[in-house]
Amino acid sequence: MPELPEVETVVRTLQTLVKGKKIERVSVSLPRIVRQPDDVEAFKAQLCGQTIHEIKRRAKFIQFILDQDVLISHLRMEGRYGLYTSVEPVEKHTHVIFHFTDGTELRYRDVRQFGTMDVYPKGLETTVGPLAKLGVEPLDEGFTAELLRGLLKNRTTKIKPLLLNQECLVGLGNIYVDESLFKAGIHPETPAGKLTNKQVARLHESIVSTLQEAVEQGGSSIKSYVNGQGEMGMFQQSLTVYGRKDEPCVNCGTPIVRFVVGGRGTHVCPKCQKRKS
């Protein structure tokens, strides 16, 4: 699933591709992708005639800011956007097409069909629907070590599942949690509330630096991820633990191990991330 760096990269790409374009009509071949409104014909009618003024990211969601409404899109496992001319053949698994007045089309393709789209009036998108209960943005200036310490205080939950909780801290998925915990030298099963102030400070720094570096490199193309121009990310070449089972740790040479934490496959260096009793 695309995480914060991948979604941020898609947003930046779409900003250059479709900002200022006016929607002439919308085609939907897989109605279940549309959740709000629950009538796909109403969804199409609501978007017609509106101009895309800005594309933003909130957590792992893409927001298309229109004249009166906000279209909220989640890519889930393998959703992707691409800009095409109207004469180009439509690829298999293309489920939504936004036809623009200039003859171009923004096409949403999703092999796994897990993606979602919601439309809400401007001003309501953050109080109802999928954005309503989201947590802190880790790349915002307000995300400090002190704030992170407050989020973890007195929590008995293991640190990895807590970092994956989008109501606590948004945008982090399996890849970047594993990478951040490794860089901070923290075992993923450590109770969140048991982290020392120094550990929290290291974790804060590792989360921010890992995400910033991943954004700079266009995200990680582990499976099928590409940005809005069909380009792969490069951060997968910089991964230190994720996906490196049995390979030597970049710091100490100990083989990386993989086990399950909170139902998620987890990669750890058993020497650099020692489990505390």
Foldseek 3Di string as FASTA:
>chain_A
DAFDLQLVLQQVVVQVVFAFWAFQWKAFPDLVQEVAPNDVVVVGVVRHGWGFHGWDDDFQWIWGDIDFKIKIKHCPPHKAKAKAAQPDDDDPQFGMWGQTPVRMIITIGHPVPPMHIYMDTPPCPCCDDDNPQFAAELQDPPNALVLLLVLLAPAQAFQLVSCCPRSHYGRDDQQLSQQLCLQLLADRRHRSNPDDSSSSNSSSVSSNVSSVVCNVQNHACPDNRDHRHRHGGDCVVVRQWPPQAQAAGPVPGAGWHWDDDPNDIHIHRCVSHPDDD
